[in-house]
Amino acid sequence: MSRIVNGASLQPRSGAAPKNIVLLLHGFGSSGSDMISLAPPWQDALPDTLFLAPHAPQRCSMMGTGYQWWGLSGFAPSALAAGAAAAAPAIDAFIDRKLAQYDLSEADLALVGFSQGTMMALQIGLRRPRPVAAIVGYSGMLAGAADLGHRVSTPPPVLLVHGTADPVVPIAALHLSESQLTRLGVEVKTHISYGVGHSVDPVGLRAGRDFVADAFARS
């Protein structure tokens, strides 16, 4: 199993020990150093939160400076499901280490992904033995829905955010993922960013922040 050994982080603004963790999972060809940029606008609402943005264990096969959770050989559902499943153990092990390090539980953890990172956030967050507080997925989709029927007992709430002008992962992916998750009994909210491409706009960023802050307040 590949091991996550590096990345970027942002300590709690309060200066106190973390009361919760937001795990930020980057997209294909990106890095934790890019993904951590989502965290500063969230700190006022989450002053006691530790933000962790690890680099995926693999260097990106197509972009030499970035990382990948798995090599994208295609967008066929079976290929996406297999890739996400193969990448999951490294993230699960990283989560286990960090929860133990800070004496926290899944109820103190939110998973936030972008694009391929959204596939990983959903892959991990819907299969942990104990439910995480929340999952936020930007510009991504659910992979591997077929085997989830018997796995999701107490699912965490999910927010999906997507731009209507996304040329990489079309907005149709949000609607399909919402439908699949709803059938599995997952509480799903969506935010559609009109005219936005494969990126996160300020309104979508605030929607994610508020969703996570509310989940932590209820957990």
N, C-alpha and C. Protein backbone atom coordinates (compact mmCIF):
# COMPACT_ATOMS: atom_id res chain seq x y z
N MET A 1 0.84 -1.20 0.00
CA MET A 1 0.00 0.00 0.00
C MET A 1 0.88 1.25 0.00
N SER A 2 0.54 2.21 -0.87
CA SER A 2 1.23 3.49 -0.86
C SER A 2 0.94 4.21 0.45
N ARG A 3 1.89 5.04 0.86
CA ARG A 3 1.75 5.76 2.12
C ARG A 3 1.82 7.25 1.86
N ILE A 4 0.91 8.00 2.47
CA ILE A 4 0.92 9.46 2.37
C ILE A 4 1.94 9.99 3.39
N VAL A 5 2.93 10.70 2.89
CA VAL A 5 4.00 11.14 3.80
C VAL A 5 4.18 12.65 3.82
N ASN A 6 3.54 13.37 2.93
CA ASN A 6 3.75 14.82 2.92
C ASN A 6 2.51 15.54 2.41
N GLY A 7 2.57 16.87 2.43
CA GLY A 7 1.45 17.68 2.01
C GLY A 7 1.52 19.04 2.67
N ALA A 8 0.37 19.69 2.79
CA ALA A 8 0.29 21.02 3.39
C ALA A 8 -0.72 20.98 4.53
N SER A 9 -0.60 21.92 5.46
CA SER A 9 -1.54 21.98 6.58
C SER A 9 -1.68 23.41 7.06
N LEU A 10 -2.74 23.64 7.81
CA LEU A 10 -3.00 24.94 8.42
C LEU A 10 -3.51 24.68 9.82
N GLN A 11 -2.78 25.17 10.80
CA GLN A 11 -3.12 24.93 12.20
C GLN A 11 -4.34 25.75 12.62
N PRO A 12 -5.02 25.35 13.71
CA PRO A 12 -6.19 26.11 14.16
C PRO A 12 -5.86 27.57 14.43
N ARG A 13 -6.71 28.45 13.94
CA ARG A 13 -6.50 29.89 14.14
C ARG A 13 -6.53 30.25 15.61
N SER A 14 -7.27 29.50 16.42
CA SER A 14 -7.40 29.80 17.84
C SER A 14 -6.09 29.60 18.60
N GLY A 15 -5.18 28.81 18.02
CA GLY A 15 -3.95 28.48 18.71
C GLY A 15 -4.10 27.32 19.69
N ALA A 16 -5.31 26.82 19.84
CA ALA A 16 -5.58 25.71 20.75
C ALA A 16 -5.39 24.38 20.03
N ALA A 17 -5.47 23.30 20.79
CA ALA A 17 -5.42 21.97 20.18
C ALA A 17 -6.64 21.79 19.27
N PRO A 18 -6.49 21.09 18.15
CA PRO A 18 -7.61 20.92 17.23
C PRO A 18 -8.81 20.22 17.89
N LYS A 19 -9.99 20.78 17.64
CA LYS A 19 -11.22 20.12 18.06
C LYS A 19 -11.81 19.29 16.92
N ASN A 20 -11.37 19.57 15.71
CA ASN A 20 -11.82 18.81 14.56
C ASN A 20 -10.82 18.99 13.42
N ILE A 21 -10.99 18.17 12.39
CA ILE A 21 -10.08 18.16 11.24
C ILE A 21 -10.91 18.24 9.95
N VAL A 22 -10.46 19.10 9.04
CA VAL A 22 -10.96 19.09 7.66
C VAL A 22 -9.86 18.54 6.78
N LEU A 23 -10.14 17.41 6.13
CA LEU A 23 -9.19 16.78 5.23
C LEU A 23 -9.52 17.21 3.81
N LEU A 24 -8.57 17.88 3.16
CA LEU A 24 -8.75 18.43 1.83
C LEU A 24 -8.04 17.54 0.82
N LEU A 25 -8.78 16.99 -0.13
CA LEU A 25 -8.24 16.04 -1.10
C LEU A 25 -8.24 16.66 -2.49
N HIS A 26 -7.04 16.84 -3.04
CA HIS A 26 -6.87 17.58 -4.29
C HIS A 26 -7.27 16.77 -5.51
N GLY A 27 -7.32 17.45 -6.63
CA GLY A 27 -7.68 16.81 -7.89
C GLY A 27 -6.49 16.24 -8.64
N PHE A 28 -6.78 15.62 -9.77
CA PHE A 28 -5.78 14.99 -10.61
C PHE A 28 -4.77 16.03 -11.11
N GLY A 29 -3.48 15.74 -10.90
CA GLY A 29 -2.44 16.64 -11.36
C GLY A 29 -2.19 17.83 -10.48
N SER A 30 -2.87 17.90 -9.35
CA SER A 30 -2.71 19.02 -8.43
C SER A 30 -1.89 18.56 -7.22
N SER A 31 -2.04 19.24 -6.08
CA SER A 31 -1.27 18.90 -4.89
C SER A 31 -1.95 19.46 -3.65
N GLY A 32 -1.49 18.99 -2.50
CA GLY A 32 -1.99 19.55 -1.25
C GLY A 32 -1.65 21.01 -1.11
N SER A 33 -0.53 21.43 -1.70
CA SER A 33 -0.13 22.84 -1.64
C SER A 33 -1.14 23.73 -2.34
N ASP A 34 -1.75 23.24 -3.42
CA ASP A 34 -2.82 23.99 -4.09
C ASP A 34 -4.12 23.92 -3.28
N MET A 35 -4.45 22.74 -2.78
CA MET A 35 -5.74 22.52 -2.13
C MET A 35 -5.85 23.28 -0.81
N ILE A 36 -4.74 23.50 -0.13
CA ILE A 36 -4.80 24.18 1.16
C ILE A 36 -5.28 25.62 1.01
N SER A 37 -5.25 26.14 -0.22
CA SER A 37 -5.71 27.52 -0.44
C SER A 37 -7.20 27.69 -0.17
N LEU A 38 -7.94 26.57 -0.12
CA LEU A 38 -9.36 26.67 0.23
C LEU A 38 -9.56 26.96 1.71
N ALA A 39 -8.55 26.69 2.53
CA ALA A 39 -8.74 26.72 3.98
C ALA A 39 -8.81 28.12 4.61
N PRO A 40 -7.97 29.08 4.24
CA PRO A 40 -8.01 30.37 4.95
C PRO A 40 -9.39 31.03 5.01
N PRO A 41 -10.19 31.02 3.93
CA PRO A 41 -11.52 31.64 4.05
C PRO A 41 -12.46 30.91 5.00
N TRP A 42 -12.10 29.70 5.41
CA TRP A 42 -12.95 28.92 6.32
C TRP A 42 -12.57 29.14 7.79
N GLN A 43 -11.42 29.75 8.04
CA GLN A 43 -10.90 29.75 9.41
C GLN A 43 -11.73 30.57 10.39
N ASP A 44 -12.33 31.66 9.94
CA ASP A 44 -13.15 32.45 10.87
C ASP A 44 -14.31 31.63 11.41
N ALA A 45 -14.91 30.83 10.54
CA ALA A 45 -16.06 30.00 10.96
C ALA A 45 -15.61 28.75 11.70
N LEU A 46 -14.35 28.35 11.51
CA LEU A 46 -13.84 27.11 12.09
C LEU A 46 -12.50 27.38 12.77
N PRO A 47 -12.50 28.18 13.85
CA PRO A 47 -11.22 28.60 14.45
C PRO A 47 -10.45 27.49 15.14
N ASP A 48 -11.13 26.41 15.52
CA ASP A 48 -10.47 25.31 16.23
C ASP A 48 -10.19 24.12 15.33
N THR A 49 -10.23 24.35 14.02
CA THR A 49 -10.08 23.26 13.05
C THR A 49 -8.66 23.18 12.51
N LEU A 50 -8.15 21.97 12.42
CA LEU A 50 -6.90 21.68 11.73
C LEU A 50 -7.22 21.29 10.29
N PHE A 51 -6.60 21.98 9.35
CA PHE A 51 -6.81 21.68 7.93
C PHE A 51 -5.59 20.89 7.43
N LEU A 52 -5.85 19.73 6.85
CA LEU A 52 -4.80 18.88 6.32
C LEU A 52 -5.03 18.66 4.83
N ALA A 53 -4.02 18.91 4.02
CA ALA A 53 -4.12 18.74 2.58
C ALA A 53 -2.94 17.90 2.08
N PRO A 54 -3.03 16.59 2.21
CA PRO A 54 -1.92 15.73 1.80
C PRO A 54 -1.76 15.68 0.29
N HIS A 55 -0.51 15.44 -0.15
CA HIS A 55 -0.27 15.09 -1.55
C HIS A 55 -0.67 13.62 -1.73
N ALA A 56 -1.29 13.31 -2.86
CA ALA A 56 -1.51 11.90 -3.19
C ALA A 56 -0.16 11.18 -3.29
N PRO A 57 -0.13 9.88 -3.01
CA PRO A 57 1.15 9.15 -2.99
C PRO A 57 1.83 9.04 -4.36
N GLN A 58 1.06 9.13 -5.45
CA GLN A 58 1.63 8.94 -6.78
C GLN A 58 1.89 10.28 -7.47
N ARG A 59 3.05 10.39 -8.12
CA ARG A 59 3.28 11.50 -9.03
C ARG A 59 2.35 11.35 -10.24
N CYS A 60 1.85 12.46 -10.74
CA CYS A 60 0.90 12.40 -11.84
C CYS A 60 1.59 11.93 -13.12
N SER A 61 0.98 10.96 -13.76
CA SER A 61 1.58 10.39 -14.96
C SER A 61 1.54 11.35 -16.15
N MET A 62 0.64 12.34 -16.09
CA MET A 62 0.47 13.26 -17.22
C MET A 62 1.00 14.66 -16.93
N MET A 63 1.14 15.01 -15.67
CA MET A 63 1.59 16.34 -15.29
C MET A 63 2.72 16.17 -14.27
N GLY A 64 3.93 16.45 -14.70
CA GLY A 64 5.10 16.08 -13.90
C GLY A 64 5.20 16.74 -12.54
N THR A 65 4.57 17.90 -12.35
CA THR A 65 4.73 18.60 -11.07
C THR A 65 3.65 18.26 -10.07
N GLY A 66 2.61 17.56 -10.49
CA GLY A 66 1.48 17.29 -9.60
C GLY A 66 1.41 15.84 -9.17
N TYR A 67 0.29 15.51 -8.54
CA TYR A 67 0.08 14.17 -7.98
C TYR A 67 -1.28 13.64 -8.43
N GLN A 68 -1.45 12.35 -8.27
CA GLN A 68 -2.72 11.71 -8.62
C GLN A 68 -3.05 10.65 -7.58
N TRP A 69 -4.33 10.48 -7.30
CA TRP A 69 -4.76 9.40 -6.41
C TRP A 69 -4.70 8.07 -7.15
N TRP A 70 -4.95 8.12 -8.47
CA TRP A 70 -4.72 6.97 -9.33
C TRP A 70 -4.60 7.49 -10.76
N GLY A 71 -3.99 6.70 -11.64
CA GLY A 71 -3.83 7.11 -13.02
C GLY A 71 -5.14 7.02 -13.77
N LEU A 72 -5.55 8.11 -14.37
CA LEU A 72 -6.82 8.16 -15.09
C LEU A 72 -6.66 7.53 -16.46
N SER A 73 -7.15 6.32 -16.61
CA SER A 73 -7.10 5.65 -17.91
C SER A 73 -8.38 5.87 -18.70
N GLY A 74 -9.39 6.41 -18.06
CA GLY A 74 -10.66 6.66 -18.74
C GLY A 74 -11.74 7.01 -17.72
N PHE A 75 -12.89 7.44 -18.24
CA PHE A 75 -13.99 7.84 -17.36
C PHE A 75 -15.10 6.80 -17.31
N ALA A 76 -14.83 5.60 -17.78
CA ALA A 76 -15.82 4.52 -17.66
C ALA A 76 -16.09 4.28 -16.18
N PRO A 77 -17.36 4.08 -15.79
CA PRO A 77 -17.67 3.88 -14.37
C PRO A 77 -16.84 2.79 -13.71
N SER A 78 -16.58 1.70 -14.43
CA SER A 78 -15.81 0.60 -13.83
C SER A 78 -14.37 1.02 -13.56
N ALA A 79 -13.78 1.83 -14.46
CA ALA A 79 -12.41 2.29 -14.27
C ALA A 79 -12.32 3.27 -13.10
N LEU A 80 -13.29 4.16 -12.98
CA LEU A 80 -13.30 5.11 -11.88
C LEU A 80 -13.48 4.39 -10.55
N ALA A 81 -14.38 3.42 -10.52
CA ALA A 81 -14.63 2.67 -9.29
C ALA A 81 -13.38 1.91 -8.86
N ALA A 82 -12.70 1.27 -9.83
CA ALA A 82 -11.50 0.50 -9.50
C ALA A 82 -10.39 1.41 -9.02
N GLY A 83 -10.23 2.58 -9.66
CA GLY A 83 -9.19 3.51 -9.25
C GLY A 83 -9.41 4.05 -7.85
N ALA A 84 -10.64 4.46 -7.57
CA ALA A 84 -10.95 4.99 -6.24
C ALA A 84 -10.76 3.93 -5.16
N ALA A 85 -11.17 2.72 -5.44
CA ALA A 85 -11.01 1.64 -4.46
C ALA A 85 -9.53 1.35 -4.19
N ALA A 86 -8.71 1.39 -5.24
CA ALA A 86 -7.29 1.11 -5.07
C ALA A 86 -6.59 2.20 -4.28
N ALA A 87 -7.05 3.46 -4.42
CA ALA A 87 -6.41 4.59 -3.75
C ALA A 87 -6.86 4.75 -2.30
N ALA A 88 -7.98 4.13 -1.95
CA ALA A 88 -8.58 4.37 -0.65
C ALA A 88 -7.73 3.97 0.55
N PRO A 89 -7.04 2.82 0.55
CA PRO A 89 -6.33 2.41 1.76
C PRO A 89 -5.31 3.42 2.27
N ALA A 90 -4.62 4.11 1.36
CA ALA A 90 -3.62 5.10 1.80
C ALA A 90 -4.28 6.25 2.56
N ILE A 91 -5.44 6.70 2.07
CA ILE A 91 -6.14 7.80 2.75
C ILE A 91 -6.73 7.31 4.07
N ASP A 92 -7.29 6.12 4.08
CA ASP A 92 -7.83 5.58 5.33
C ASP A 92 -6.74 5.48 6.40
N ALA A 93 -5.55 5.02 6.00
CA ALA A 93 -4.45 4.90 6.95
C ALA A 93 -4.01 6.27 7.46
N PHE A 94 -3.99 7.26 6.57
CA PHE A 94 -3.64 8.62 6.96
C PHE A 94 -4.66 9.17 7.96
N ILE A 95 -5.94 8.94 7.70
CA ILE A 95 -6.99 9.38 8.62
C ILE A 95 -6.82 8.71 9.97
N ASP A 96 -6.58 7.42 9.97
CA ASP A 96 -6.41 6.70 11.23
C ASP A 96 -5.26 7.30 12.05
N ARG A 97 -4.15 7.60 11.39
CA ARG A 97 -3.00 8.17 12.09
C ARG A 97 -3.33 9.53 12.68
N LYS A 98 -4.01 10.37 11.91
CA LYS A 98 -4.28 11.73 12.37
C LYS A 98 -5.33 11.76 13.47
N LEU A 99 -6.36 10.93 13.37
CA LEU A 99 -7.36 10.89 14.44
C LEU A 99 -6.72 10.41 15.74
N ALA A 100 -5.86 9.43 15.64
CA ALA A 100 -5.16 8.94 16.84
C ALA A 100 -4.21 10.00 17.39
N GLN A 101 -3.51 10.68 16.50
CA GLN A 101 -2.53 11.68 16.93
C GLN A 101 -3.19 12.80 17.75
N TYR A 102 -4.38 13.21 17.34
CA TYR A 102 -5.06 14.33 17.99
C TYR A 102 -6.20 13.89 18.91
N ASP A 103 -6.31 12.59 19.13
CA ASP A 103 -7.33 12.03 20.02
C ASP A 103 -8.73 12.50 19.60
N LEU A 104 -9.01 12.36 18.31
CA LEU A 104 -10.30 12.74 17.76
C LEU A 104 -10.96 11.51 17.14
N SER A 105 -12.23 11.65 16.77
CA SER A 105 -12.98 10.54 16.17
C SER A 105 -13.53 10.98 14.82
N GLU A 106 -14.16 10.03 14.13
CA GLU A 106 -14.76 10.36 12.83
C GLU A 106 -15.78 11.48 12.94
N ALA A 107 -16.45 11.60 14.06
CA ALA A 107 -17.43 12.67 14.24
C ALA A 107 -16.78 14.05 14.21
N ASP A 108 -15.46 14.09 14.37
CA ASP A 108 -14.71 15.34 14.35
C ASP A 108 -14.02 15.57 13.01
N LEU A 109 -14.38 14.81 12.00
CA LEU A 109 -13.68 14.84 10.71
C LEU A 109 -14.65 15.16 9.58
N ALA A 110 -14.25 16.12 8.73
CA ALA A 110 -14.98 16.39 7.48
C ALA A 110 -14.03 16.16 6.31
N LEU A 111 -14.55 15.58 5.24
CA LEU A 111 -13.77 15.32 4.04
C LEU A 111 -14.23 16.27 2.94
N VAL A 112 -13.28 16.97 2.34
CA VAL A 112 -13.58 17.94 1.29
C VAL A 112 -12.69 17.61 0.10
N GLY A 113 -13.31 17.37 -1.06
CA GLY A 113 -12.55 17.01 -2.24
C GLY A 113 -12.84 17.91 -3.41
N PHE A 114 -11.88 17.91 -4.35
CA PHE A 114 -12.07 18.61 -5.62
C PHE A 114 -11.78 17.62 -6.75
N SER A 115 -12.73 17.46 -7.67
CA SER A 115 -12.57 16.63 -8.86
C SER A 115 -12.23 15.18 -8.48
N GLN A 116 -11.05 14.69 -8.81
CA GLN A 116 -10.68 13.33 -8.40
C GLN A 116 -10.69 13.21 -6.88
N GLY A 117 -10.36 14.29 -6.19
CA GLY A 117 -10.43 14.29 -4.73
C GLY A 117 -11.84 14.13 -4.21
N THR A 118 -12.83 14.62 -4.96
CA THR A 118 -14.23 14.41 -4.58
C THR A 118 -14.59 12.93 -4.67
N MET A 119 -14.11 12.27 -5.72
CA MET A 119 -14.35 10.82 -5.82
C MET A 119 -13.75 10.11 -4.61
N MET A 120 -12.59 10.56 -4.16
CA MET A 120 -11.95 9.93 -3.00
C MET A 120 -12.69 10.27 -1.71
N ALA A 121 -13.13 11.52 -1.57
CA ALA A 121 -13.87 11.90 -0.35
C ALA A 121 -15.13 11.06 -0.19
N LEU A 122 -15.84 10.84 -1.30
CA LEU A 122 -17.05 10.02 -1.25
C LEU A 122 -16.70 8.55 -1.05
N GLN A 123 -15.65 8.09 -1.71
CA GLN A 123 -15.22 6.70 -1.56
C GLN A 123 -14.89 6.40 -0.10
N ILE A 124 -14.15 7.27 0.53
CA ILE A 124 -13.72 7.06 1.92
C ILE A 124 -14.86 7.33 2.89
N GLY A 125 -15.48 8.50 2.72
CA GLY A 125 -16.45 8.96 3.72
C GLY A 125 -17.69 8.11 3.85
N LEU A 126 -18.07 7.42 2.77
CA LEU A 126 -19.26 6.58 2.81
C LEU A 126 -18.95 5.14 3.23
N ARG A 127 -17.65 4.84 3.46
CA ARG A 127 -17.27 3.47 3.80
C ARG A 127 -16.53 3.35 5.12
N ARG A 128 -16.28 4.45 5.82
CA ARG A 128 -15.63 4.35 7.12
C ARG A 128 -16.53 3.56 8.07
N PRO A 129 -15.95 2.81 9.01
CA PRO A 129 -16.77 2.03 9.95
C PRO A 129 -17.70 2.90 10.79
N ARG A 130 -17.24 4.12 11.10
CA ARG A 130 -18.07 5.08 11.82
C ARG A 130 -18.23 6.32 10.96
N PRO A 131 -19.40 6.96 10.96
CA PRO A 131 -19.65 8.06 10.03
C PRO A 131 -18.83 9.30 10.36
N VAL A 132 -18.28 9.92 9.31
CA VAL A 132 -17.63 11.21 9.46
C VAL A 132 -18.71 12.27 9.62
N ALA A 133 -18.28 13.50 9.96
CA ALA A 133 -19.26 14.56 10.21
C ALA A 133 -19.92 15.04 8.92
N ALA A 134 -19.14 15.13 7.84
CA ALA A 134 -19.68 15.67 6.59
C ALA A 134 -18.71 15.38 5.45
N ILE A 135 -19.27 15.40 4.22
CA ILE A 135 -18.48 15.29 2.99
C ILE A 135 -18.89 16.44 2.08
N VAL A 136 -17.91 17.15 1.55
CA VAL A 136 -18.16 18.20 0.56
C VAL A 136 -17.39 17.84 -0.70
N GLY A 137 -18.09 17.81 -1.83
CA GLY A 137 -17.45 17.47 -3.10
C GLY A 137 -17.60 18.58 -4.11
N TYR A 138 -16.47 19.12 -4.55
CA TYR A 138 -16.45 20.16 -5.58
C TYR A 138 -16.07 19.54 -6.92
N SER A 139 -16.88 19.82 -7.95
CA SER A 139 -16.53 19.50 -9.34
C SER A 139 -16.14 18.04 -9.54
N GLY A 140 -16.87 17.15 -8.89
CA GLY A 140 -16.51 15.73 -8.98
C GLY A 140 -17.72 14.86 -9.22
N MET A 141 -17.63 13.61 -8.76
CA MET A 141 -18.73 12.67 -8.95
C MET A 141 -18.55 11.49 -7.99
N LEU A 142 -19.60 10.72 -7.86
CA LEU A 142 -19.55 9.48 -7.09
C LEU A 142 -19.05 8.36 -7.99
N ALA A 143 -18.02 7.66 -7.54
CA ALA A 143 -17.54 6.47 -8.25
C ALA A 143 -17.83 5.25 -7.38
N GLY A 144 -18.13 4.14 -8.01
CA GLY A 144 -18.32 2.91 -7.25
C GLY A 144 -19.61 2.84 -6.47
N ALA A 145 -20.69 3.39 -7.02
CA ALA A 145 -21.97 3.35 -6.31
C ALA A 145 -22.52 1.93 -6.19
N ALA A 146 -22.14 1.06 -7.11
CA ALA A 146 -22.76 -0.26 -7.19
C ALA A 146 -22.60 -1.08 -5.91
N ASP A 147 -21.45 -0.96 -5.25
CA ASP A 147 -21.21 -1.79 -4.07
C ASP A 147 -21.56 -1.08 -2.76
N LEU A 148 -22.19 0.08 -2.86
CA LEU A 148 -22.45 0.85 -1.64
C LEU A 148 -23.75 0.47 -0.95
N GLY A 149 -24.62 -0.24 -1.65
CA GLY A 149 -25.94 -0.51 -1.10
C GLY A 149 -25.94 -1.12 0.28
N HIS A 150 -25.02 -2.04 0.54
CA HIS A 150 -24.98 -2.71 1.83
C HIS A 150 -23.92 -2.13 2.75
N ARG A 151 -23.26 -1.03 2.33
CA ARG A 151 -22.17 -0.47 3.11
C ARG A 151 -22.58 0.76 3.91
N VAL A 152 -23.59 1.48 3.42
CA VAL A 152 -23.95 2.76 4.02
C VAL A 152 -25.05 2.55 5.05
N SER A 153 -24.68 2.45 6.31
CA SER A 153 -25.67 2.23 7.36
C SER A 153 -26.11 3.55 7.99
N THR A 154 -25.15 4.36 8.43
CA THR A 154 -25.46 5.69 8.96
C THR A 154 -24.65 6.69 8.16
N PRO A 155 -25.12 7.07 6.98
CA PRO A 155 -24.30 7.89 6.10
C PRO A 155 -24.17 9.33 6.60
N PRO A 156 -23.02 9.96 6.36
CA PRO A 156 -22.86 11.37 6.69
C PRO A 156 -23.58 12.24 5.67
N PRO A 157 -23.90 13.47 6.03
CA PRO A 157 -24.49 14.39 5.05
C PRO A 157 -23.46 14.78 3.99
N VAL A 158 -23.94 14.99 2.77
CA VAL A 158 -23.08 15.31 1.64
C VAL A 158 -23.55 16.59 0.98
N LEU A 159 -22.59 17.46 0.64
CA LEU A 159 -22.85 18.63 -0.19
C LEU A 159 -22.04 18.49 -1.48
N LEU A 160 -22.73 18.61 -2.61
CA LEU A 160 -22.08 18.58 -3.92
C LEU A 160 -22.18 19.97 -4.54
N VAL A 161 -21.04 20.49 -4.99
CA VAL A 161 -20.96 21.83 -5.59
C VAL A 161 -20.36 21.68 -6.98
N HIS A 162 -20.97 22.31 -7.97
CA HIS A 162 -20.51 22.10 -9.36
C HIS A 162 -20.83 23.32 -10.20
N GLY A 163 -19.93 23.63 -11.13
CA GLY A 163 -20.16 24.72 -12.07
C GLY A 163 -20.87 24.25 -13.32
N THR A 164 -21.77 25.08 -13.84
CA THR A 164 -22.52 24.70 -15.04
C THR A 164 -21.65 24.70 -16.29
N ALA A 165 -20.52 25.40 -16.25
CA ALA A 165 -19.65 25.49 -17.42
C ALA A 165 -18.41 24.61 -17.28
N ASP A 166 -18.48 23.58 -16.44
CA ASP A 166 -17.33 22.70 -16.21
C ASP A 166 -17.07 21.85 -17.46
N PRO A 167 -15.91 22.03 -18.12
CA PRO A 167 -15.62 21.25 -19.32
C PRO A 167 -14.93 19.93 -19.03
N VAL A 168 -14.53 19.71 -17.78
CA VAL A 168 -13.78 18.51 -17.42
C VAL A 168 -14.70 17.43 -16.87
N VAL A 169 -15.46 17.80 -15.85
CA VAL A 169 -16.48 16.91 -15.28
C VAL A 169 -17.82 17.63 -15.46
N PRO A 170 -18.61 17.26 -16.44
CA PRO A 170 -19.83 18.00 -16.74
C PRO A 170 -20.81 18.06 -15.56
N ILE A 171 -21.63 19.08 -15.56
CA ILE A 171 -22.60 19.28 -14.49
C ILE A 171 -23.54 18.08 -14.36
N ALA A 172 -23.71 17.31 -15.42
CA ALA A 172 -24.55 16.11 -15.35
C ALA A 172 -24.05 15.15 -14.27
N ALA A 173 -22.76 15.19 -13.97
CA ALA A 173 -22.21 14.32 -12.94
C ALA A 173 -22.80 14.63 -11.58
N LEU A 174 -23.07 15.91 -11.32
CA LEU A 174 -23.70 16.27 -10.05
C LEU A 174 -25.09 15.64 -9.95
N HIS A 175 -25.87 15.77 -11.00
CA HIS A 175 -27.24 15.26 -10.95
C HIS A 175 -27.26 13.74 -10.81
N LEU A 176 -26.37 13.06 -11.52
CA LEU A 176 -26.32 11.60 -11.40
C LEU A 176 -25.88 11.19 -9.99
N SER A 177 -24.86 11.85 -9.48
CA SER A 177 -24.37 11.52 -8.13
C SER A 177 -25.43 11.79 -7.08
N GLU A 178 -26.13 12.90 -7.23
CA GLU A 178 -27.21 13.22 -6.28
C GLU A 178 -28.27 12.13 -6.29
N SER A 179 -28.65 11.67 -7.48
CA SER A 179 -29.66 10.62 -7.61
C SER A 179 -29.18 9.32 -6.98
N GLN A 180 -27.92 8.95 -7.25
CA GLN A 180 -27.38 7.71 -6.69
C GLN A 180 -27.30 7.77 -5.16
N LEU A 181 -26.84 8.88 -4.64
CA LEU A 181 -26.71 9.01 -3.19
C LEU A 181 -28.07 9.03 -2.51
N THR A 182 -29.03 9.70 -3.12
CA THR A 182 -30.38 9.74 -2.54
C THR A 182 -30.98 8.35 -2.46
N ARG A 183 -30.77 7.54 -3.50
CA ARG A 183 -31.28 6.17 -3.48
C ARG A 183 -30.64 5.35 -2.37
N LEU A 184 -29.42 5.71 -1.99
CA LEU A 184 -28.72 5.00 -0.91
C LEU A 184 -29.10 5.52 0.47
N GLY A 185 -29.98 6.50 0.52
CA GLY A 185 -30.41 7.03 1.81
C GLY A 185 -29.51 8.10 2.38
N VAL A 186 -28.65 8.67 1.52
CA VAL A 186 -27.74 9.73 1.97
C VAL A 186 -28.45 11.07 1.88
N GLU A 187 -28.27 11.90 2.91
CA GLU A 187 -28.80 13.26 2.89
C GLU A 187 -27.89 14.12 2.01
N VAL A 188 -28.40 14.55 0.86
CA VAL A 188 -27.59 15.28 -0.12
C VAL A 188 -28.14 16.68 -0.33
N LYS A 189 -27.23 17.65 -0.28
CA LYS A 189 -27.55 19.01 -0.70
C LYS A 189 -26.66 19.34 -1.90
N THR A 190 -27.14 20.23 -2.75
CA THR A 190 -26.35 20.62 -3.91
C THR A 190 -26.30 22.14 -4.02
N HIS A 191 -25.23 22.62 -4.60
CA HIS A 191 -25.10 24.04 -4.93
C HIS A 191 -24.56 24.12 -6.35
N ILE A 192 -25.30 24.74 -7.23
CA ILE A 192 -24.89 24.88 -8.62
C ILE A 192 -24.35 26.29 -8.83
N SER A 193 -23.12 26.37 -9.35
CA SER A 193 -22.47 27.65 -9.60
C SER A 193 -22.62 27.98 -11.08
N TYR A 194 -23.50 28.89 -11.40
CA TYR A 194 -23.82 29.19 -12.80
C TYR A 194 -22.67 29.95 -13.47
N GLY A 195 -22.27 29.43 -14.63
CA GLY A 195 -21.21 30.04 -15.40
C GLY A 195 -19.81 29.71 -14.93
N VAL A 196 -19.69 28.89 -13.91
CA VAL A 196 -18.38 28.54 -13.36
C VAL A 196 -17.86 27.27 -14.02
N GLY A 197 -16.55 27.24 -14.31
CA GLY A 197 -15.94 26.08 -14.95
C GLY A 197 -15.47 25.06 -13.93
N HIS A 198 -14.32 24.44 -14.21
CA HIS A 198 -13.77 23.40 -13.33
C HIS A 198 -12.95 24.07 -12.23
N SER A 199 -13.67 24.70 -11.34
CA SER A 199 -13.02 25.47 -10.26
C SER A 199 -14.05 25.72 -9.16
N VAL A 200 -13.61 26.40 -8.12
CA VAL A 200 -14.49 26.73 -6.99
C VAL A 200 -14.62 28.24 -6.92
N ASP A 201 -15.85 28.74 -6.97
CA ASP A 201 -16.05 30.18 -6.87
C ASP A 201 -16.32 30.57 -5.40
N PRO A 202 -16.26 31.85 -5.07
CA PRO A 202 -16.42 32.26 -3.66
C PRO A 202 -17.74 31.83 -3.04
N VAL A 203 -18.81 31.82 -3.81
CA VAL A 203 -20.11 31.44 -3.25
C VAL A 203 -20.11 29.94 -2.93
N GLY A 204 -19.56 29.14 -3.83
CA GLY A 204 -19.46 27.71 -3.57
C GLY A 204 -18.56 27.40 -2.40
N LEU A 205 -17.49 28.20 -2.26
CA LEU A 205 -16.57 28.01 -1.13
C LEU A 205 -17.27 28.30 0.19
N ARG A 206 -18.07 29.35 0.21
CA ARG A 206 -18.83 29.68 1.44
C ARG A 206 -19.87 28.61 1.75
N ALA A 207 -20.48 28.07 0.71
CA ALA A 207 -21.48 27.01 0.92
C ALA A 207 -20.83 25.81 1.60
N GLY A 208 -19.64 25.45 1.15
CA GLY A 208 -18.92 24.34 1.78
C GLY A 208 -18.54 24.64 3.22
N ARG A 209 -18.06 25.84 3.45
CA ARG A 209 -17.68 26.24 4.81
C ARG A 209 -18.87 26.15 5.76
N ASP A 210 -19.99 26.70 5.34
CA ASP A 210 -21.16 26.71 6.22
C ASP A 210 -21.68 25.29 6.46
N PHE A 211 -21.61 24.46 5.44
CA PHE A 211 -22.07 23.07 5.56
C PHE A 211 -21.22 22.32 6.59
N VAL A 212 -19.90 22.50 6.52
CA VAL A 212 -19.00 21.82 7.45
C VAL A 212 -19.16 22.38 8.87
N ALA A 213 -19.25 23.70 8.99
CA ALA A 213 -19.40 24.31 10.31
C ALA A 213 -20.68 23.84 10.98
N ASP A 214 -21.75 23.72 10.21
CA ASP A 214 -23.02 23.23 10.76
C ASP A 214 -22.91 21.78 11.18
N ALA A 215 -22.22 20.98 10.37
CA ALA A 215 -22.06 19.56 10.71
C ALA A 215 -21.26 19.39 11.99
N PHE A 216 -20.18 20.15 12.15
CA PHE A 216 -19.38 20.05 13.37
C PHE A 216 -20.19 20.51 14.58
N ALA A 217 -21.01 21.53 14.40
CA ALA A 217 -21.83 22.02 15.53
C ALA A 217 -22.84 20.98 15.98
N ARG A 218 -23.27 20.10 15.05
CA ARG A 218 -24.27 19.08 15.38
C ARG A 218 -23.65 17.78 15.84
N SER A 219 -22.35 17.60 15.61
CA SER A 219 -21.72 16.30 15.91
C SER A 219 -21.26 16.24 17.37
